[in-house]
Amino acid sequence: MWYAITAVLALLVGGVAGFFIGVAYLRKQLEKMQNDPAMIQQMAKQMGYNLDKKQMQKMQTMMKNKKFRP
């Protein structure tokens, strides 16, 4: 019985910890992407978009104006 309770508790704690670690990792990647236009271009190509220079500048200004919470 204690094994089942421990297993369920460990699963819940692991899921919550994994979520917060994933959010922190994604936030850090977005902050790095603000400074590197090549990463923005690569992400856009992976999603199927080809950005020209005007669109790239607009994307960079949008990302710089957006504030990410630490």
N, C-alpha and C. Protein backbone atom coordinates (compact mmCIF):
# COMPACT_ATOMS: atom_id res chain seq x y z
N MET A 1 0.81 -1.19 0.00
CA MET A 1 0.00 0.00 0.00
C MET A 1 0.86 1.26 0.00
N TRP A 2 1.90 1.28 0.83
CA TRP A 2 2.78 2.44 0.88
C TRP A 2 3.52 2.63 -0.44
N TYR A 3 3.78 1.52 -1.12
CA TYR A 3 4.46 1.61 -2.42
C TYR A 3 3.60 2.37 -3.44
N ALA A 4 2.32 2.11 -3.42
CA ALA A 4 1.42 2.79 -4.36
C ALA A 4 1.32 4.29 -4.05
N ILE A 5 1.22 4.61 -2.79
CA ILE A 5 1.14 6.02 -2.39
C ILE A 5 2.44 6.74 -2.75
N THR A 6 3.57 6.10 -2.49
CA THR A 6 4.87 6.69 -2.81
C THR A 6 5.03 6.86 -4.32
N ALA A 7 4.59 5.89 -5.08
CA ALA A 7 4.70 5.97 -6.54
C ALA A 7 3.86 7.12 -7.10
N VAL A 8 2.64 7.25 -6.63
CA VAL A 8 1.76 8.32 -7.10
C VAL A 8 2.32 9.68 -6.69
N LEU A 9 2.80 9.80 -5.48
CA LEU A 9 3.38 11.05 -5.00
C LEU A 9 4.62 11.42 -5.80
N ALA A 10 5.49 10.44 -6.08
CA ALA A 10 6.69 10.70 -6.88
C ALA A 10 6.33 11.12 -8.29
N LEU A 11 5.31 10.52 -8.86
CA LEU A 11 4.86 10.89 -10.20
C LEU A 11 4.35 12.33 -10.23
N LEU A 12 3.58 12.72 -9.25
CA LEU A 12 3.07 14.09 -9.18
C LEU A 12 4.19 15.11 -8.99
N VAL A 13 5.10 14.82 -8.06
CA VAL A 13 6.21 15.74 -7.81
C VAL A 13 7.10 15.84 -9.05
N GLY A 14 7.37 14.74 -9.71
CA GLY A 14 8.18 14.76 -10.93
C GLY A 14 7.51 15.53 -12.05
N GLY A 15 6.22 15.39 -12.19
CA GLY A 15 5.50 16.12 -13.23
C GLY A 15 5.52 17.63 -13.00
N VAL A 16 5.30 18.02 -11.76
CA VAL A 16 5.32 19.45 -11.43
C VAL A 16 6.72 20.02 -11.61
N ALA A 17 7.73 19.31 -11.14
CA ALA A 17 9.11 19.78 -11.29
C ALA A 17 9.50 19.85 -12.77
N GLY A 18 9.11 18.87 -13.55
CA GLY A 18 9.40 18.87 -14.98
C GLY A 18 8.74 20.03 -15.69
N PHE A 19 7.54 20.37 -15.30
CA PHE A 19 6.84 21.50 -15.90
C PHE A 19 7.60 22.80 -15.65
N PHE A 20 7.99 23.03 -14.40
CA PHE A 20 8.68 24.28 -14.08
C PHE A 20 10.07 24.35 -14.71
N ILE A 21 10.75 23.23 -14.79
CA ILE A 21 12.05 23.21 -15.46
C ILE A 21 11.87 23.49 -16.95
N GLY A 22 10.84 22.93 -17.57
CA GLY A 22 10.56 23.18 -18.98
C GLY A 22 10.23 24.64 -19.26
N VAL A 23 9.46 25.26 -18.39
CA VAL A 23 9.12 26.67 -18.56
C VAL A 23 10.37 27.54 -18.44
N ALA A 24 11.23 27.24 -17.48
CA ALA A 24 12.45 28.01 -17.31
C ALA A 24 13.37 27.85 -18.53
N TYR A 25 13.45 26.64 -19.06
CA TYR A 25 14.29 26.40 -20.24
C TYR A 25 13.76 27.16 -21.45
N LEU A 26 12.45 27.12 -21.66
CA LEU A 26 11.84 27.82 -22.79
C LEU A 26 12.04 29.33 -22.66
N ARG A 27 11.89 29.85 -21.47
CA ARG A 27 12.08 31.29 -21.25
C ARG A 27 13.52 31.69 -21.57
N LYS A 28 14.48 30.88 -21.15
CA LYS A 28 15.89 31.17 -21.42
C LYS A 28 16.17 31.12 -22.92
N GLN A 29 15.58 30.16 -23.64
CA GLN A 29 15.78 30.07 -25.08
C GLN A 29 15.20 31.29 -25.80
N LEU A 30 14.04 31.77 -25.36
CA LEU A 30 13.44 32.94 -25.96
C LEU A 30 14.29 34.19 -25.72
N GLU A 31 14.88 34.29 -24.54
CA GLU A 31 15.75 35.43 -24.26
C GLU A 31 17.01 35.39 -25.13
N LYS A 32 17.56 34.19 -25.35
CA LYS A 32 18.72 34.08 -26.23
C LYS A 32 18.35 34.41 -27.67
N MET A 33 17.16 34.05 -28.07
CA MET A 33 16.71 34.26 -29.43
C MET A 33 16.56 35.75 -29.74
N GLN A 34 16.30 36.56 -28.74
CA GLN A 34 16.16 37.99 -28.95
C GLN A 34 17.44 38.59 -29.52
N ASN A 35 18.58 38.10 -29.10
CA ASN A 35 19.86 38.66 -29.50
C ASN A 35 20.45 38.01 -30.75
N ASP A 36 19.86 36.93 -31.23
CA ASP A 36 20.45 36.19 -32.34
C ASP A 36 19.42 36.05 -33.47
N PRO A 37 19.55 36.88 -34.52
CA PRO A 37 18.58 36.80 -35.62
C PRO A 37 18.64 35.47 -36.38
N ALA A 38 19.78 34.79 -36.35
CA ALA A 38 19.87 33.51 -37.04
C ALA A 38 18.97 32.47 -36.38
N MET A 39 18.84 32.53 -35.06
CA MET A 39 17.95 31.60 -34.36
C MET A 39 16.49 31.88 -34.71
N ILE A 40 16.13 33.15 -34.84
CA ILE A 40 14.76 33.51 -35.22
C ILE A 40 14.47 32.99 -36.63
N GLN A 41 15.43 33.19 -37.53
CA GLN A 41 15.26 32.73 -38.91
C GLN A 41 15.11 31.20 -38.96
N GLN A 42 15.92 30.50 -38.17
CA GLN A 42 15.86 29.04 -38.15
C GLN A 42 14.50 28.57 -37.61
N MET A 43 14.02 29.21 -36.56
CA MET A 43 12.73 28.83 -35.99
C MET A 43 11.61 29.07 -37.01
N ALA A 44 11.68 30.20 -37.73
CA ALA A 44 10.66 30.50 -38.72
C ALA A 44 10.68 29.47 -39.85
N LYS A 45 11.86 29.06 -40.29
CA LYS A 45 11.96 28.05 -41.35
C LYS A 45 11.41 26.71 -40.89
N GLN A 46 11.64 26.35 -39.63
CA GLN A 46 11.11 25.10 -39.11
C GLN A 46 9.58 25.12 -39.08
N MET A 47 9.01 26.31 -38.92
CA MET A 47 7.56 26.43 -38.90
C MET A 47 6.99 26.63 -40.31
N GLY A 48 7.86 26.74 -41.31
CA GLY A 48 7.40 26.84 -42.68
C GLY A 48 7.30 28.26 -43.21
N TYR A 49 7.91 29.21 -42.53
CA TYR A 49 7.87 30.60 -42.97
C TYR A 49 9.24 31.03 -43.46
N ASN A 50 9.26 31.87 -44.49
CA ASN A 50 10.50 32.50 -44.95
C ASN A 50 10.35 34.00 -44.69
N LEU A 51 11.17 34.52 -43.79
CA LEU A 51 11.08 35.92 -43.41
C LEU A 51 12.03 36.75 -44.26
N ASP A 52 11.52 37.88 -44.79
CA ASP A 52 12.42 38.80 -45.47
C ASP A 52 13.00 39.77 -44.42
N LYS A 53 13.83 40.71 -44.86
CA LYS A 53 14.52 41.59 -43.91
C LYS A 53 13.54 42.45 -43.11
N LYS A 54 12.52 42.94 -43.77
CA LYS A 54 11.55 43.79 -43.08
C LYS A 54 10.79 42.99 -42.01
N GLN A 55 10.38 41.78 -42.34
CA GLN A 55 9.68 40.93 -41.38
C GLN A 55 10.60 40.55 -40.23
N MET A 56 11.89 40.31 -40.55
CA MET A 56 12.85 39.94 -39.51
C MET A 56 13.06 41.10 -38.53
N GLN A 57 13.16 42.31 -39.04
CA GLN A 57 13.32 43.47 -38.16
C GLN A 57 12.09 43.67 -37.28
N LYS A 58 10.92 43.46 -37.86
CA LYS A 58 9.69 43.59 -37.08
C LYS A 58 9.63 42.54 -35.98
N MET A 59 10.03 41.32 -36.31
CA MET A 59 10.04 40.24 -35.32
C MET A 59 11.01 40.55 -34.18
N GLN A 60 12.19 41.07 -34.52
CA GLN A 60 13.18 41.39 -33.49
C GLN A 60 12.67 42.51 -32.58
N THR A 61 12.06 43.54 -33.14
CA THR A 61 11.56 44.62 -32.30
C THR A 61 10.40 44.14 -31.42
N MET A 62 9.57 43.26 -31.96
CA MET A 62 8.48 42.71 -31.14
C MET A 62 9.03 41.91 -29.97
N MET A 63 10.06 41.12 -30.21
CA MET A 63 10.63 40.30 -29.14
C MET A 63 11.38 41.15 -28.13
N LYS A 64 12.02 42.23 -28.57
CA LYS A 64 12.74 43.08 -27.63
C LYS A 64 11.78 43.89 -26.77
N ASN A 65 10.63 44.25 -27.32
CA ASN A 65 9.65 45.01 -26.55
C ASN A 65 8.91 44.14 -25.55
N LYS A 66 8.84 42.83 -25.81
CA LYS A 66 8.16 41.91 -24.90
C LYS A 66 9.05 41.66 -23.70
N LYS A 67 8.49 41.79 -22.52
CA LYS A 67 9.28 41.57 -21.31
C LYS A 67 9.03 40.15 -20.81
N PHE A 68 10.12 39.42 -20.62
CA PHE A 68 10.03 38.07 -20.07
C PHE A 68 10.30 38.13 -18.58
N ARG A 69 9.46 37.47 -17.83
CA ARG A 69 9.66 37.45 -16.38
C ARG A 69 10.80 36.49 -16.06
N PRO A 70 11.72 36.90 -15.18
CA PRO A 70 12.81 35.98 -14.81
C PRO A 70 12.36 34.86 -13.93
